[in-house]
């Protein structure tokens, strides 16, 4: 998720996350899809995962799908790019950035007969859906793998910004590691960027020097994993399969399959049956988020992870079922309770076995 304006995000996300279903949208003619990328598909992460969804749509609907990349989170600029597509006759506009939320809300209002989708956005309308993934389900499984793999009981995790949907990644990773190997700790560092390969490599090296033998990244690049591979340590990738960057030490990658939702969604748009879901979260049960195959740990441990994954799919297990305590010893989720979506979007703490702050 791309965010440049962090202030107030938790409150806004919490307010909008519960938006309900809307009225059906009737497109003016056959569906014509266009994409707007915050970065470039060659980034190896966020934009690449959306580019893969674009390819899935091309394959499914046999049409040209134009795109524009490197569009900054500047409302006027995003509106300009949307207008260019609309003037060209495109009637389904898809993007993926929190910072595009205002632009998409304004354009959806200006063009009520068109359909808009903004992955990781927070605005919604009868013709606009902004959905995201329950990434914490995948990160819990990855944390279990890291817990089984570690010998030092110290894991390192690189993050962009200390915002709710990043905190739930850190916390679920830590909770999974603790479940697999009690006493394991996760050291977290924030880069205040989503892509800074030089800094990612430096922090990865520092974490390894401090005893971490598993490095997980929530960043757009695999720079941290390359360092871990060279040091003979384990690694966990994110957004796309990063196994090529750490073939000898990759445990898994938490990956997006946006096409799992976008392909049928466009089908509904074409048939005139689509209704905006507001700002929903989609989990492993939908295939929108998942893990790649688990490697470099014993088969018995992989079987344990797969058993938990099956429970996530069945809806009988959540990584955020209590008791869960934060670093300050406060009970954040009581025993027997499961955190709500509103509470997820307002998460402002780190769990007890995370080392580091929210700064």
Protein backbone atom coordinates (compact mmCIF):
# COMPACT_ATOMS: atom_id res chain seq x y z
CA UNK A 1 0.00 0.00 0.00
CA UNK A 2 1.36 3.39 -0.95
CA UNK A 3 0.96 6.16 1.59
CA UNK A 4 2.67 9.52 1.78
CA UNK A 5 0.31 11.28 4.20
CA UNK A 6 0.25 9.21 7.39
CA UNK A 7 -1.47 11.61 9.79
CA UNK A 8 -4.99 10.59 10.64
CA UNK A 9 -4.89 7.47 8.47
CA UNK A 10 -6.01 5.13 11.22
CA UNK A 11 -9.08 7.19 12.06
CA UNK A 12 -10.11 7.59 8.44
CA UNK A 13 -9.53 3.93 7.64
CA UNK A 14 -11.52 2.85 10.65
CA UNK A 15 -14.40 5.11 9.67
CA UNK A 16 -14.59 3.85 6.09
CA UNK A 17 -13.68 0.18 6.45
CA UNK A 18 -17.23 -0.85 7.21
CA UNK A 19 -18.85 0.65 4.10
CA UNK A 20 -21.67 -1.53 2.80
CA UNK A 21 -22.79 -2.74 -0.60
CA UNK A 22 -24.03 -0.24 -3.16
CA UNK A 23 -26.41 -0.14 -6.13
CA UNK A 24 -25.66 -1.97 -9.38
CA UNK A 25 -23.56 -0.13 -11.96
CA UNK A 26 -24.50 -0.24 -15.67
CA UNK A 27 -21.55 0.55 -17.95
CA UNK A 28 -22.14 2.58 -21.13
CA UNK A 29 -21.13 -0.14 -23.56
CA UNK A 30 -18.66 -3.02 -23.45
CA UNK A 31 -16.06 -2.96 -20.66
CA UNK A 32 -12.85 -1.11 -21.50
CA UNK A 33 -10.23 -1.37 -18.74
CA UNK A 34 -7.35 0.97 -17.91
CA UNK A 35 -4.74 0.88 -15.14
CA UNK A 36 -2.89 3.55 -13.18
CA UNK A 37 0.27 2.47 -11.32
CA UNK A 38 1.92 4.40 -8.50
CA UNK A 39 5.29 2.87 -9.37
CA UNK A 40 6.51 0.84 -12.31
CA UNK A 41 5.86 -2.87 -12.95
CA UNK A 42 9.62 -3.38 -12.92
CA UNK A 43 9.79 -2.44 -9.21
CA UNK A 44 9.61 -6.09 -8.25
CA UNK A 45 6.83 -5.52 -5.72
CA UNK A 46 3.65 -3.45 -5.44
CA UNK A 47 3.21 -2.31 -9.04
CA UNK A 48 4.37 -5.68 -10.33
CA UNK A 49 1.62 -7.44 -8.37
CA UNK A 50 -0.95 -5.17 -10.05
CA UNK A 51 0.68 -5.65 -13.43
CA UNK A 52 0.16 -9.38 -13.00
CA UNK A 53 -3.54 -8.68 -12.42
CA UNK A 54 -3.59 -6.58 -15.59
CA UNK A 55 -2.12 -9.54 -17.49
CA UNK A 56 -4.82 -11.80 -16.03
CA UNK A 57 -7.51 -9.39 -17.26
CA UNK A 58 -5.97 -9.27 -20.73
CA UNK A 59 -5.98 -13.06 -20.84
CA UNK A 60 -9.54 -13.34 -19.52
CA UNK A 61 -11.19 -10.68 -21.66
CA UNK A 62 -8.94 -10.62 -24.74
CA UNK A 63 -8.68 -6.88 -24.89
CA UNK A 64 -5.96 -4.27 -24.86
CA UNK A 65 -5.56 -2.81 -21.37
CA UNK A 66 -3.65 0.49 -21.44
CA UNK A 67 -1.80 1.74 -18.40
CA UNK A 68 0.23 4.65 -17.13
CA UNK A 69 2.91 4.25 -14.47
CA UNK A 70 4.86 6.40 -12.02
CA UNK A 71 1.82 8.53 -11.23
CA UNK A 72 2.47 10.41 -7.96
CA UNK A 73 -0.02 10.67 -5.11
CA UNK A 74 -1.07 14.15 -6.21
CA UNK A 75 -4.83 14.45 -6.57
CA UNK A 76 -4.77 16.82 -9.56
CA UNK A 77 -2.30 14.59 -11.41
CA UNK A 78 -4.33 11.42 -10.76
CA UNK A 79 -7.52 13.15 -11.90
CA UNK A 80 -5.75 14.25 -15.07
CA UNK A 81 -4.69 10.67 -15.87
CA UNK A 82 -8.20 9.36 -15.18
CA UNK A 83 -9.72 12.00 -17.44
CA UNK A 84 -7.37 11.02 -20.26
CA UNK A 85 -8.55 7.42 -20.03
CA UNK A 86 -12.21 8.46 -19.79
CA UNK A 87 -11.87 10.72 -22.84
CA UNK A 88 -10.36 7.76 -24.65
CA UNK A 89 -13.49 5.74 -23.93
CA UNK A 90 -12.25 3.59 -21.06
CA UNK A 91 -15.01 2.85 -18.56
CA UNK A 92 -13.30 0.73 -15.88
CA UNK A 93 -10.42 2.54 -14.17
CA UNK A 94 -8.24 0.47 -11.81
CA UNK A 95 -5.39 1.65 -9.60
CA UNK A 96 -3.72 0.80 -6.31
CA UNK A 97 -2.78 3.59 -3.92
CA UNK A 98 -4.09 5.03 -0.68
CA UNK A 99 -2.94 8.43 -1.91
CA UNK A 100 -5.29 8.20 -4.90
CA UNK A 101 -8.37 8.00 -2.68
CA UNK A 102 -9.49 11.62 -3.02
CA UNK A 103 -9.00 11.64 -6.78
CA UNK A 104 -10.94 8.42 -7.24
CA UNK A 105 -13.78 9.70 -5.05
CA UNK A 106 -14.03 12.90 -7.11
CA UNK A 107 -13.84 11.10 -10.46
CA UNK A 108 -16.40 8.47 -9.40
CA UNK A 109 -18.78 11.29 -8.51
CA UNK A 110 -18.11 13.07 -11.80
CA UNK A 111 -18.67 9.88 -13.84
CA UNK A 112 -21.45 7.90 -12.11
CA UNK A 113 -21.91 5.61 -15.12
CA UNK A 114 -18.29 4.39 -15.02
CA UNK A 115 -16.66 1.88 -12.64
CA UNK A 116 -13.65 2.62 -10.44
CA UNK A 117 -11.49 0.29 -8.36
CA UNK A 118 -8.65 1.45 -6.11
CA UNK A 119 -6.71 -1.32 -4.39
CA UNK A 120 -5.64 -0.13 -0.92
CA UNK A 121 -7.70 3.03 -1.17
CA UNK A 122 -10.11 4.22 1.52
CA UNK A 123 -12.84 5.96 -0.48
CA UNK A 124 -15.99 4.30 -1.80
CA UNK A 125 -19.12 5.20 -3.75
CA UNK A 126 -21.88 3.37 -5.64
CA UNK A 127 -19.44 3.03 -8.55
CA UNK A 128 -16.16 2.87 -6.58
CA UNK A 129 -14.74 -0.01 -4.57
CA UNK A 130 -11.47 0.23 -2.63
CA UNK A 131 -10.48 -3.20 -1.42
CA UNK A 132 -7.42 -4.62 0.32
CA UNK A 133 -6.18 -7.99 1.52
CA UNK A 134 -6.02 -9.65 4.93
CA UNK A 135 -2.26 -9.73 4.66
CA UNK A 136 -1.99 -10.68 8.31
CA UNK A 137 -3.27 -14.17 7.48
CA UNK A 138 -0.29 -14.78 5.23
CA UNK A 139 2.16 -13.10 7.58
CA UNK A 140 1.07 -15.31 10.47
CA UNK A 141 1.92 -18.39 8.41
CA UNK A 142 5.22 -16.84 7.37
CA UNK A 143 5.93 -16.12 11.02
CA UNK A 144 5.37 -19.77 11.85
CA UNK A 145 7.87 -20.75 9.15
CA UNK A 146 10.40 -18.24 10.50
CA UNK A 147 9.86 -19.54 14.03
CA UNK A 148 10.54 -23.09 12.93
CA UNK A 149 13.65 -22.02 10.97
CA UNK A 150 15.37 -19.72 13.45
CA UNK A 151 18.23 -20.92 15.62
CA UNK A 152 18.86 -17.60 17.37
CA UNK A 153 15.18 -16.86 18.07
CA UNK A 154 15.76 -13.39 16.59
CA UNK A 155 13.96 -12.31 13.42
CA UNK A 156 14.29 -9.02 11.53
CA UNK A 157 11.47 -7.29 9.66
CA UNK A 158 11.73 -4.21 7.42
CA UNK A 159 8.68 -1.97 7.08
CA UNK A 160 7.74 1.21 5.27
CA UNK A 161 5.64 3.23 7.73
CA UNK A 162 4.08 2.47 11.16
CA UNK A 163 0.49 2.55 9.91
CA UNK A 164 -2.30 0.11 10.87
CA UNK A 165 -2.06 -2.32 7.97
CA UNK A 166 1.72 -2.45 8.40
CA UNK A 167 1.43 -2.96 12.15
CA UNK A 168 -0.92 -5.88 11.62
CA UNK A 169 1.72 -7.45 9.34
CA UNK A 170 4.44 -7.07 11.99
CA UNK A 171 2.20 -8.28 14.79
CA UNK A 172 0.85 -11.31 12.95
CA UNK A 173 4.37 -12.29 11.86
CA UNK A 174 5.50 -12.07 15.49
CA UNK A 175 2.48 -13.99 16.77
CA UNK A 176 3.08 -16.77 14.24
CA UNK A 177 6.72 -17.01 15.23
CA UNK A 178 5.82 -17.16 18.92
CA UNK A 179 3.27 -19.90 18.28
CA UNK A 180 5.86 -22.00 16.46
CA UNK A 181 8.83 -21.26 18.70
CA UNK A 182 8.02 -19.60 22.06
CA UNK A 183 10.51 -16.95 23.06
CA UNK A 184 11.21 -15.79 19.49
CA UNK A 185 11.41 -12.02 19.06
CA UNK A 186 10.97 -9.81 15.99
CA UNK A 187 13.11 -6.71 15.54
CA UNK A 188 11.29 -4.15 13.39
CA UNK A 189 12.65 -1.10 11.53
CA UNK A 190 10.75 1.50 9.48
CA UNK A 191 12.33 3.15 6.45
CA UNK A 192 9.72 5.90 5.89
CA UNK A 193 9.70 4.79 2.29
CA UNK A 194 8.30 1.86 0.31
CA UNK A 195 11.41 1.44 -1.81
CA UNK A 196 14.96 2.29 -0.79
CA UNK A 197 17.22 -0.59 -1.82
CA UNK A 198 20.39 0.91 -0.36
CA UNK A 199 18.84 1.53 3.04
CA UNK A 200 17.06 -1.83 2.98
CA UNK A 201 20.41 -3.58 2.47
CA UNK A 202 22.04 -1.58 5.27
CA UNK A 203 19.28 -2.36 7.76
CA UNK A 204 19.26 -6.02 6.80
CA UNK A 205 23.01 -6.19 7.46
CA UNK A 206 22.59 -4.44 10.81
CA UNK A 207 19.83 -6.83 11.90
CA UNK A 208 21.96 -9.83 10.97
CA UNK A 209 24.85 -8.38 12.98
CA UNK A 210 22.44 -8.12 15.93
CA UNK A 211 21.62 -11.83 15.76
CA UNK A 212 18.73 -12.08 13.31
CA UNK A 213 18.91 -15.26 11.23
CA UNK A 214 15.64 -14.65 9.35
CA UNK A 215 15.00 -11.39 7.45
CA UNK A 216 11.45 -10.51 6.33
CA UNK A 217 10.64 -7.57 4.12
CA UNK A 218 7.42 -5.60 3.66
CA UNK A 219 9.13 -3.45 1.03
CA UNK A 220 8.85 -3.19 -2.77
CA UNK A 221 12.32 -4.56 -3.46
CA UNK A 222 14.18 -7.72 -2.48
CA UNK A 223 17.35 -5.86 -1.44
CA UNK A 224 17.12 -7.03 2.18
CA UNK A 225 16.69 -10.64 1.05
CA UNK A 226 19.76 -10.46 -1.18
CA UNK A 227 21.82 -9.47 1.85
CA UNK A 228 20.34 -12.32 3.90
CA UNK A 229 21.13 -14.80 1.12
CA UNK A 230 24.76 -13.69 0.94
CA UNK A 231 25.03 -14.01 4.73
CA UNK A 232 23.60 -17.54 4.69
CA UNK A 233 20.41 -16.50 6.52
CA UNK A 234 16.76 -17.23 5.86
CA UNK A 235 14.34 -14.79 4.23
CA UNK A 236 10.63 -14.02 3.72
CA UNK A 237 9.46 -12.03 0.69
CA UNK A 238 6.38 -9.92 0.09
CA UNK A 239 3.92 -8.84 -2.63
CA UNK A 240 5.32 -11.16 -5.30
CA UNK A 241 7.36 -14.36 -5.17
CA UNK A 242 10.89 -13.24 -4.26
CA UNK A 243 12.46 -16.72 -4.33
CA UNK A 244 14.83 -15.78 -7.16
CA UNK A 245 16.53 -13.25 -4.88
CA UNK A 246 17.16 -15.77 -2.11
CA UNK A 247 16.92 -19.28 -3.59
CA UNK A 248 18.93 -20.96 -0.86
CA UNK A 249 17.21 -19.34 2.10
CA UNK A 250 13.70 -18.26 1.11
CA UNK A 251 11.10 -19.68 3.48
CA UNK A 252 8.09 -18.27 1.63
CA UNK A 253 6.70 -15.02 0.24
CA UNK A 254 3.39 -13.41 1.21
CA UNK A 255 1.94 -12.63 -2.20
CA UNK A 256 -0.98 -10.82 -3.83
CA UNK A 257 -3.19 -12.25 -6.55
CA UNK A 258 -5.35 -9.21 -7.30
CA UNK A 259 -6.65 -10.88 -10.43
CA UNK A 260 -8.55 -13.39 -8.28
CA UNK A 261 -10.91 -10.55 -7.40
CA UNK A 262 -10.56 -8.27 -10.42
CA UNK A 263 -11.28 -10.86 -13.12
CA UNK A 264 -14.73 -11.87 -11.75
CA UNK A 265 -15.43 -8.27 -10.75
CA UNK A 266 -14.98 -7.08 -14.33
CA UNK A 267 -17.24 -9.93 -15.43
CA UNK A 268 -19.95 -8.61 -13.13
CA UNK A 269 -19.39 -5.11 -14.48
CA UNK A 270 -19.79 -6.40 -18.03
CA UNK A 271 -23.04 -8.14 -17.07
CA UNK A 272 -24.44 -5.13 -15.24
CA UNK A 273 -24.62 -7.00 -11.92
CA UNK A 274 -21.65 -5.46 -10.11
CA UNK A 275 -22.20 -3.65 -6.82
CA UNK A 276 -19.43 -1.81 -5.04
CA UNK A 277 -18.48 -3.60 -1.85
CA UNK A 278 -17.24 -0.37 -0.28
CA UNK A 279 -13.87 -0.94 1.37
CA UNK A 280 -13.74 -4.69 2.08
CA UNK A 281 -10.87 -6.92 3.14
CA UNK A 282 -10.35 -10.18 1.26
CA UNK A 283 -8.49 -13.11 2.82
CA UNK A 284 -6.69 -16.30 1.93
CA UNK A 285 -10.05 -17.96 1.34
CA UNK A 286 -10.49 -15.77 -1.78
CA UNK A 287 -6.95 -16.28 -3.07
CA UNK A 288 -6.34 -12.52 -3.15
CA UNK A 289 -3.53 -12.99 -0.62
CA UNK A 290 -1.59 -16.19 -0.04
CA UNK A 291 1.85 -17.62 0.61
CA UNK A 292 4.16 -19.33 -1.84
CA UNK A 293 5.35 -22.84 -1.08
CA UNK A 294 7.25 -23.28 2.18
CA UNK A 295 10.89 -24.27 1.84
CA UNK A 296 13.96 -25.04 3.93
CA UNK A 297 12.06 -26.29 6.98
CA UNK A 298 11.10 -29.88 7.89
CA UNK A 299 8.04 -31.47 6.29
CA UNK A 300 6.41 -31.95 9.70
CA UNK A 301 6.61 -28.20 10.34
CA UNK A 302 5.20 -27.41 6.91
CA UNK A 303 2.27 -29.71 7.69
CA UNK A 304 1.58 -27.72 10.87
CA UNK A 305 1.57 -24.48 8.91
CA UNK A 306 -0.73 -25.91 6.26
CA UNK A 307 -3.13 -27.05 8.98
CA UNK A 308 -3.40 -23.47 10.24
CA UNK A 309 -3.80 -22.20 6.68
CA UNK A 310 -6.72 -24.59 6.23
CA UNK A 311 -8.35 -23.16 9.35
CA UNK A 312 -7.89 -19.62 8.02
CA UNK A 313 -9.59 -20.63 4.79
CA UNK A 314 -12.42 -22.28 6.71
CA UNK A 315 -12.84 -19.20 8.89
CA UNK A 316 -12.18 -21.10 12.11
CA UNK A 317 -8.89 -19.37 12.97
CA UNK A 318 -7.76 -15.75 13.10
CA UNK A 319 -4.22 -14.63 14.01
CA UNK A 320 -5.82 -11.95 16.17
CA UNK A 321 -7.81 -14.12 18.55
CA UNK A 322 -6.91 -13.33 22.16
CA UNK A 323 -5.32 -13.23 24.53
CA UNK A 324 -2.98 -10.78 22.83
CA UNK A 325 -0.78 -8.40 24.82
CA UNK A 326 1.09 -5.35 23.59
CA UNK A 327 4.63 -4.34 24.48
CA UNK A 328 3.45 -2.38 27.53
CA UNK A 329 1.76 -5.44 29.02
CA UNK A 330 -1.76 -4.27 28.23
CA UNK A 331 -4.28 -6.85 27.06
CA UNK A 332 -5.31 -5.67 23.59
CA UNK A 333 -7.50 -8.64 22.71
CA UNK A 334 -9.08 -10.59 25.60
CA UNK A 335 -9.02 -14.37 25.66
CA UNK A 336 -11.67 -15.85 23.40
CA UNK A 337 -12.24 -12.58 21.51
CA UNK A 338 -11.25 -11.85 17.92
CA UNK A 339 -10.31 -8.40 16.74
CA UNK A 340 -12.83 -6.62 14.50
CA UNK A 341 -12.05 -4.99 11.15
CA UNK A 342 -12.55 -1.57 12.74
CA UNK A 343 -9.98 -2.42 15.42
CA UNK A 344 -7.58 -3.70 12.76
CA UNK A 345 -7.80 -0.42 10.86
CA UNK A 346 -7.10 1.45 14.10
CA UNK A 347 -4.26 -0.78 15.32
CA UNK A 348 -1.72 1.39 17.14
CA UNK A 349 0.43 -1.05 19.11
CA UNK A 350 3.05 -3.76 18.74
CA UNK A 351 2.63 -7.15 20.37
CA UNK A 352 4.77 -8.26 23.29
CA UNK A 353 7.49 -10.15 21.37
CA UNK A 354 8.24 -7.30 18.94
CA UNK A 355 11.39 -5.30 19.66
CA UNK A 356 11.25 -1.74 18.38
CA UNK A 357 8.83 1.16 18.45
CA UNK A 358 6.22 2.68 16.19
CA UNK A 359 8.55 5.51 15.20
